[in-house]
Structure formats: structure tokens, C-alpha cells
PDB file of all heavy atoms in Angstrom:
ATOM      1  N   PRO A   1       7.087  10.327  15.753  1.00  0.00           N
ATOM      2  CA  PRO A   1       6.561  10.130  14.386  1.00  0.00           C
ATOM      3  C   PRO A   1       5.715   8.872  14.230  1.00  0.00           C
ATOM      4  O   PRO A   1       4.730   8.871  13.477  1.00  0.00           O
ATOM      5  CB  PRO A   1       7.834  10.063  13.525  1.00  0.00           C
ATOM      6  CG  PRO A   1       8.929   9.724  14.452  1.00  0.00           C
ATOM      7  CD  PRO A   1       8.560  10.317  15.764  1.00  0.00           C
ATOM      8  N   VAL A   2       6.085   7.800  14.923  1.00  0.00           N
ATOM      9  CA  VAL A   2       5.299   6.565  14.816  1.00  0.00           C
ATOM     10  C   VAL A   2       3.900   6.762  15.381  1.00  0.00           C
ATOM     11  O   VAL A   2       2.901   6.344  14.789  1.00  0.00           O
ATOM     12  CB  VAL A   2       6.034   5.411  15.528  1.00  0.00           C
ATOM     13  CG1 VAL A   2       5.138   4.185  15.646  1.00  0.00           C
ATOM     14  CG2 VAL A   2       7.304   5.045  14.775  1.00  0.00           C
ATOM     15  N   TRP A   3       3.801   7.415  16.518  1.00  0.00           N
ATOM     16  CA  TRP A   3       2.502   7.639  17.154  1.00  0.00           C
ATOM     17  C   TRP A   3       1.613   8.554  16.309  1.00  0.00           C
ATOM     18  O   TRP A   3       0.415   8.319  16.170  1.00  0.00           O
ATOM     19  CB  TRP A   3       2.695   8.242  18.538  1.00  0.00           C
ATOM     20  CG  TRP A   3       1.415   8.603  19.225  1.00  0.00           C
ATOM     21  CD1 TRP A   3       0.892   9.851  19.404  1.00  0.00           C
ATOM     22  CD2 TRP A   3       0.480   7.702  19.819  1.00  0.00           C
ATOM     23  NE1 TRP A   3      -0.298   9.787  20.069  1.00  0.00           N
ATOM     24  CE2 TRP A   3      -0.571   8.475  20.342  1.00  0.00           C
ATOM     25  CE3 TRP A   3       0.444   6.319  19.953  1.00  0.00           C
ATOM     26  CZ2 TRP A   3      -1.657   7.906  20.983  1.00  0.00           C
ATOM     27  CZ3 TRP A   3      -0.640   5.747  20.608  1.00  0.00           C
ATOM     28  CH2 TRP A   3      -1.675   6.528  21.124  1.00  0.00           C
ATOM     29  N   LEU A   4       2.213   9.570  15.702  1.00  0.00           N
ATOM     30  CA  LEU A   4       1.414  10.558  14.976  1.00  0.00           C
ATOM     31  C   LEU A   4       1.043  10.123  13.567  1.00  0.00           C
ATOM     32  O   LEU A   4      -0.043  10.453  13.080  1.00  0.00           O
ATOM     33  CB  LEU A   4       2.170  11.894  14.910  1.00  0.00           C
ATOM     34  CG  LEU A   4       2.344  12.652  16.219  1.00  0.00           C
ATOM     35  CD1 LEU A   4       3.177  13.904  15.975  1.00  0.00           C
ATOM     36  CD2 LEU A   4       0.990  13.027  16.834  1.00  0.00           C
ATOM     37  N   LEU A   5       1.939   9.395  12.871  1.00  0.00           N
ATOM     38  CA  LEU A   5       1.809   9.267  11.425  1.00  0.00           C
ATOM     39  C   LEU A   5       1.697   7.839  10.892  1.00  0.00           C
ATOM     40  O   LEU A   5       1.309   7.652   9.736  1.00  0.00           O
ATOM     41  CB  LEU A   5       3.000   9.955  10.737  1.00  0.00           C
ATOM     42  CG  LEU A   5       3.133  11.454  10.992  1.00  0.00           C
ATOM     43  CD1 LEU A   5       4.452  11.963  10.434  1.00  0.00           C
ATOM     44  CD2 LEU A   5       1.968  12.210  10.376  1.00  0.00           C
ATOM     45  N   LEU A   6       2.077   6.837  11.674  1.00  0.00           N
ATOM     46  CA  LEU A   6       2.077   5.476  11.141  1.00  0.00           C
ATOM     47  C   LEU A   6       0.650   4.940  11.036  1.00  0.00           C
ATOM     48  O   LEU A   6      -0.166   5.123  11.941  1.00  0.00           O
ATOM     49  CB  LEU A   6       2.920   4.554  12.030  1.00  0.00           C
ATOM     50  CG  LEU A   6       3.189   3.158  11.469  1.00  0.00           C
ATOM     51  CD1 LEU A   6       3.970   3.227  10.167  1.00  0.00           C
ATOM     52  CD2 LEU A   6       3.956   2.315  12.495  1.00  0.00           C
ATOM     53  N   VAL A   7       0.372   4.273   9.919  1.00  0.00           N
ATOM     54  CA  VAL A   7      -0.931   3.661   9.668  1.00  0.00           C
ATOM     55  C   VAL A   7      -0.704   2.192   9.333  1.00  0.00           C
ATOM     56  O   VAL A   7       0.254   1.849   8.638  1.00  0.00           O
ATOM     57  CB  VAL A   7      -1.665   4.368   8.509  1.00  0.00           C
ATOM     58  CG1 VAL A   7      -3.005   3.702   8.216  1.00  0.00           C
ATOM     59  CG2 VAL A   7      -1.866   5.838   8.838  1.00  0.00           C
ATOM     60  N   ARG A   8      -1.590   1.336   9.797  1.00  0.00           N
ATOM     61  CA  ARG A   8      -1.413  -0.105   9.674  1.00  0.00           C
ATOM     62  C   ARG A   8      -1.301  -0.562   8.227  1.00  0.00           C
ATOM     63  O   ARG A   8      -0.340  -1.204   7.831  1.00  0.00           O
ATOM     64  CB  ARG A   8      -2.575  -0.838  10.360  1.00  0.00           C
ATOM     65  CG  ARG A   8      -2.446  -2.348  10.346  1.00  0.00           C
ATOM     66  CD  ARG A   8      -3.675  -3.028  10.899  1.00  0.00           C
ATOM     67  NE  ARG A   8      -4.810  -2.921   9.989  1.00  0.00           N
ATOM     68  CZ  ARG A   8      -5.785  -3.825   9.906  1.00  0.00           C
ATOM     69  NH1 ARG A   8      -5.766  -4.889  10.681  1.00  0.00           N
ATOM     70  NH2 ARG A   8      -6.781  -3.660   9.057  1.00  0.00           N
ATOM     71  N   ARG A   9      -2.297  -0.236   7.406  1.00  0.00           N
ATOM     72  CA  ARG A   9      -2.369  -0.688   6.020  1.00  0.00           C
ATOM     73  C   ARG A   9      -2.863   0.461   5.145  1.00  0.00           C
ATOM     74  O   ARG A   9      -3.602   1.345   5.611  1.00  0.00           O
ATOM     75  CB  ARG A   9      -3.353  -1.873   5.866  1.00  0.00           C
ATOM     76  CG  ARG A   9      -2.930  -3.148   6.569  1.00  0.00           C
ATOM     77  CD  ARG A   9      -4.040  -4.195   6.460  1.00  0.00           C
ATOM     78  NE  ARG A   9      -3.674  -5.436   7.126  1.00  0.00           N
ATOM     79  CZ  ARG A   9      -3.077  -6.454   6.524  1.00  0.00           C
ATOM     80  NH1 ARG A   9      -2.778  -6.354   5.229  1.00  0.00           N
ATOM     81  NH2 ARG A   9      -2.772  -7.549   7.171  1.00  0.00           N
ATOM     82  N   PRO A  10      -2.518   0.457   3.854  1.00  0.00           N
ATOM     83  CA  PRO A  10      -3.048   1.504   2.975  1.00  0.00           C
ATOM     84  C   PRO A  10      -4.571   1.476   2.888  1.00  0.00           C
ATOM     85  O   PRO A  10      -5.206   2.526   2.716  1.00  0.00           O
ATOM     86  CB  PRO A  10      -2.396   1.184   1.622  1.00  0.00           C
ATOM     87  CG  PRO A  10      -1.892  -0.217   1.725  1.00  0.00           C
ATOM     88  CD  PRO A  10      -1.587  -0.446   3.158  1.00  0.00           C
ATOM     89  N   GLU A  11      -5.186   0.296   3.027  1.00  0.00           N
ATOM     90  CA  GLU A  11      -6.647   0.209   2.964  1.00  0.00           C
ATOM     91  C   GLU A  11      -7.308   1.022   4.074  1.00  0.00           C
ATOM     92  O   GLU A  11      -8.459   1.468   3.925  1.00  0.00           O
ATOM     93  CB  GLU A  11      -7.099  -1.252   3.055  1.00  0.00           C
ATOM     94  CG  GLU A  11      -6.700  -2.103   1.852  1.00  0.00           C
ATOM     95  CD  GLU A  11      -5.302  -2.691   1.963  1.00  0.00           C
ATOM     96  OE1 GLU A  11      -4.576  -2.343   2.929  1.00  0.00           O
ATOM     97  OE2 GLU A  11      -4.938  -3.491   1.076  1.00  0.00           O
ATOM     98  N   ASP A  12      -6.624   1.225   5.196  1.00  0.00           N
ATOM     99  CA  ASP A  12      -7.190   2.013   6.286  1.00  0.00           C
ATOM    100  C   ASP A  12      -7.364   3.474   5.906  1.00  0.00           C
ATOM    101  O   ASP A  12      -8.125   4.208   6.557  1.00  0.00           O
ATOM    102  CB  ASP A  12      -6.305   1.912   7.531  1.00  0.00           C
ATOM    103  CG  ASP A  12      -6.221   0.488   8.061  1.00  0.00           C
ATOM    104  OD1 ASP A  12      -7.077  -0.333   7.680  1.00  0.00           O
ATOM    105  OD2 ASP A  12      -5.291   0.195   8.834  1.00  0.00           O
ATOM    106  N   LEU A  13      -6.655   3.916   4.856  1.00  0.00           N
ATOM    107  CA  LEU A  13      -6.787   5.284   4.355  1.00  0.00           C
ATOM    108  C   LEU A  13      -7.506   5.320   3.011  1.00  0.00           C
ATOM    109  O   LEU A  13      -7.519   6.357   2.339  1.00  0.00           O
ATOM    110  CB  LEU A  13      -5.402   5.928   4.199  1.00  0.00           C
ATOM    111  CG  LEU A  13      -4.617   6.196   5.484  1.00  0.00           C
ATOM    112  CD1 LEU A  13      -3.235   6.741   5.156  1.00  0.00           C
ATOM    113  CD2 LEU A  13      -5.371   7.170   6.379  1.00  0.00           C
ATOM    114  N   GLY A  14      -8.065   4.193   2.617  1.00  0.00           N
ATOM    115  CA  GLY A  14      -8.722   4.130   1.322  1.00  0.00           C
ATOM    116  C   GLY A  14      -7.755   4.092   0.158  1.00  0.00           C
ATOM    117  O   GLY A  14      -8.118   4.444  -0.971  1.00  0.00           O
ATOM    118  N   LEU A  15      -6.533   3.654   0.402  1.00  0.00           N
ATOM    119  CA  LEU A  15      -5.506   3.576  -0.633  1.00  0.00           C
ATOM    120  C   LEU A  15      -5.232   2.118  -0.982  1.00  0.00           C
ATOM    121  O   LEU A  15      -5.614   1.208  -0.247  1.00  0.00           O
ATOM    122  CB  LEU A  15      -4.202   4.240  -0.156  1.00  0.00           C
ATOM    123  CG  LEU A  15      -4.298   5.714   0.246  1.00  0.00           C
ATOM    124  CD1 LEU A  15      -2.972   6.177   0.834  1.00  0.00           C
ATOM    125  CD2 LEU A  15      -4.692   6.577  -0.944  1.00  0.00           C
ATOM    126  N   ALA A  16      -4.555   1.916  -2.089  1.00  0.00           N
ATOM    127  CA  ALA A  16      -4.121   0.580  -2.498  1.00  0.00           C
ATOM    128  C   ALA A  16      -2.629   0.442  -2.222  1.00  0.00           C
ATOM    129  O   ALA A  16      -1.890   1.430  -2.261  1.00  0.00           O
ATOM    130  CB  ALA A  16      -4.398   0.359  -3.983  1.00  0.00           C
ATOM    131  N   PRO A  17      -2.155  -0.774  -1.951  1.00  0.00           N
ATOM    132  CA  PRO A  17      -0.709  -0.963  -1.778  1.00  0.00           C
ATOM    133  C   PRO A  17       0.051  -0.627  -3.054  1.00  0.00           C
ATOM    134  O   PRO A  17      -0.512  -0.642  -4.157  1.00  0.00           O
ATOM    135  CB  PRO A  17      -0.579  -2.456  -1.437  1.00  0.00           C
ATOM    136  CG  PRO A  17      -1.939  -2.875  -0.994  1.00  0.00           C
ATOM    137  CD  PRO A  17      -2.913  -2.009  -1.738  1.00  0.00           C
ATOM    138  N   ASP A  18       1.313  -0.290  -2.882  1.00  0.00           N
ATOM    139  CA  ASP A  18       2.208  -0.098  -4.017  1.00  0.00           C
ATOM    140  C   ASP A  18       2.100  -1.334  -4.905  1.00  0.00           C
ATOM    141  O   ASP A  18       2.417  -2.445  -4.469  1.00  0.00           O
ATOM    142  CB  ASP A  18       3.631   0.058  -3.477  1.00  0.00           C
ATOM    143  CG  ASP A  18       4.659   0.192  -4.568  1.00  0.00           C
ATOM    144  OD1 ASP A  18       4.432   0.973  -5.494  1.00  0.00           O
ATOM    145  OD2 ASP A  18       5.694  -0.486  -4.481  1.00  0.00           O
ATOM    146  N   PRO A  19       1.628  -1.215  -6.167  1.00  0.00           N
ATOM    147  CA  PRO A  19       1.244  -2.413  -6.936  1.00  0.00           C
ATOM    148  C   PRO A  19       2.429  -3.270  -7.332  1.00  0.00           C
ATOM    149  O   PRO A  19       3.536  -2.780  -7.574  1.00  0.00           O
ATOM    150  CB  PRO A  19       0.557  -1.825  -8.169  1.00  0.00           C
ATOM    151  CG  PRO A  19       1.154  -0.468  -8.317  1.00  0.00           C
ATOM    152  CD  PRO A  19       1.408   0.022  -6.910  1.00  0.00           C
ATOM    153  N   ALA A  20       2.178  -4.580  -7.401  1.00  0.00           N
ATOM    154  CA  ALA A  20       3.198  -5.515  -7.867  1.00  0.00           C
ATOM    155  C   ALA A  20       3.413  -5.310  -9.365  1.00  0.00           C
ATOM    156  O   ALA A  20       2.511  -4.886 -10.085  1.00  0.00           O
ATOM    157  CB  ALA A  20       2.755  -6.950  -7.606  1.00  0.00           C
ATOM    158  N   PRO A  21       4.607  -5.589  -9.893  1.00  0.00           N
ATOM    159  CA  PRO A  21       4.843  -5.457 -11.329  1.00  0.00           C
ATOM    160  C   PRO A  21       3.994  -6.449 -12.109  1.00  0.00           C
ATOM    161  O   PRO A  21       3.675  -7.527 -11.617  1.00  0.00           O
ATOM    162  CB  PRO A  21       6.335  -5.768 -11.465  1.00  0.00           C
ATOM    163  CG  PRO A  21       6.679  -6.563 -10.251  1.00  0.00           C
ATOM    164  CD  PRO A  21       5.782  -6.051  -9.165  1.00  0.00           C
ATOM    165  N   PRO A  22       3.595  -6.105 -13.329  1.00  0.00           N
ATOM    166  CA  PRO A  22       2.744  -7.009 -14.109  1.00  0.00           C
ATOM    167  C   PRO A  22       3.440  -8.335 -14.393  1.00  0.00           C
ATOM    168  O   PRO A  22       4.655  -8.398 -14.569  1.00  0.00           O
ATOM    169  CB  PRO A  22       2.488  -6.231 -15.408  1.00  0.00           C
ATOM    170  CG  PRO A  22       2.816  -4.812 -15.088  1.00  0.00           C
ATOM    171  CD  PRO A  22       3.873  -4.860 -14.017  1.00  0.00           C
ATOM    172  N   ALA A  23       2.661  -9.397 -14.418  1.00  0.00           N
ATOM    173  CA  ALA A  23       3.202 -10.702 -14.802  1.00  0.00           C
ATOM    174  C   ALA A  23       3.477 -10.705 -16.304  1.00  0.00           C
ATOM    175  O   ALA A  23       2.753 -10.076 -17.079  1.00  0.00           O
ATOM    176  CB  ALA A  23       2.203 -11.800 -14.444  1.00  0.00           C
ATOM    177  N   PRO A  24       4.526 -11.381 -16.780  1.00  0.00           N
ATOM    178  CA  PRO A  24       4.823 -11.390 -18.213  1.00  0.00           C
ATOM    179  C   PRO A  24       3.696 -12.038 -19.002  1.00  0.00           C
ATOM    180  O   PRO A  24       3.091 -13.020 -18.586  1.00  0.00           O
ATOM    181  CB  PRO A  24       6.111 -12.218 -18.290  1.00  0.00           C
ATOM    182  CG  PRO A  24       6.188 -12.977 -17.015  1.00  0.00           C
ATOM    183  CD  PRO A  24       5.487 -12.155 -15.999  1.00  0.00           C
ATOM    184  N   SER A  25       3.419 -11.452 -20.174  1.00  0.00           N
ATOM    185  CA  SER A  25       2.338 -11.954 -21.039  1.00  0.00           C
ATOM    186  C   SER A  25       2.934 -12.458 -22.339  1.00  0.00           C
ATOM    187  O   SER A  25       3.666 -11.736 -23.014  1.00  0.00           O
ATOM    188  CB  SER A  25       1.326 -10.841 -21.307  1.00  0.00           C
ATOM    189  OG  SER A  25       0.352 -11.268 -22.225  1.00  0.00           O
ATOM    190  N   LEU A  26       2.650 -13.715 -22.718  1.00  0.00           N
ATOM    191  CA  LEU A  26       3.180 -14.300 -23.943  1.00  0.00           C
ATOM    192  C   LEU A  26       2.284 -14.023 -25.144  1.00  0.00           C
ATOM    193  O   LEU A  26       2.699 -14.155 -26.300  1.00  0.00           O
ATOM    194  CB  LEU A  26       3.346 -15.819 -23.761  1.00  0.00           C
ATOM    195  CG  LEU A  26       4.279 -16.255 -22.637  1.00  0.00           C
ATOM    196  CD1 LEU A  26       4.315 -17.774 -22.542  1.00  0.00           C
ATOM    197  CD2 LEU A  26       5.682 -15.702 -22.859  1.00  0.00           C
TER     198      LEU A  26
END
């Protein structure tokens, strides 16, 4: 599975990383 399916970073597939939660806004 690692050889067939693992990808280094989401950017290599044109994707964005799982986004961080928003910072609190006052």
C-alpha cells in the first residue's frame, strides 16, 4: 500500500492540507 498509494504532500495532487481551525476573533 505504501508503494502504490502514499503521496508526499497534498500539494503534489493539487490539494490543500486539512485546514487548521480558525483563530478566535474578538
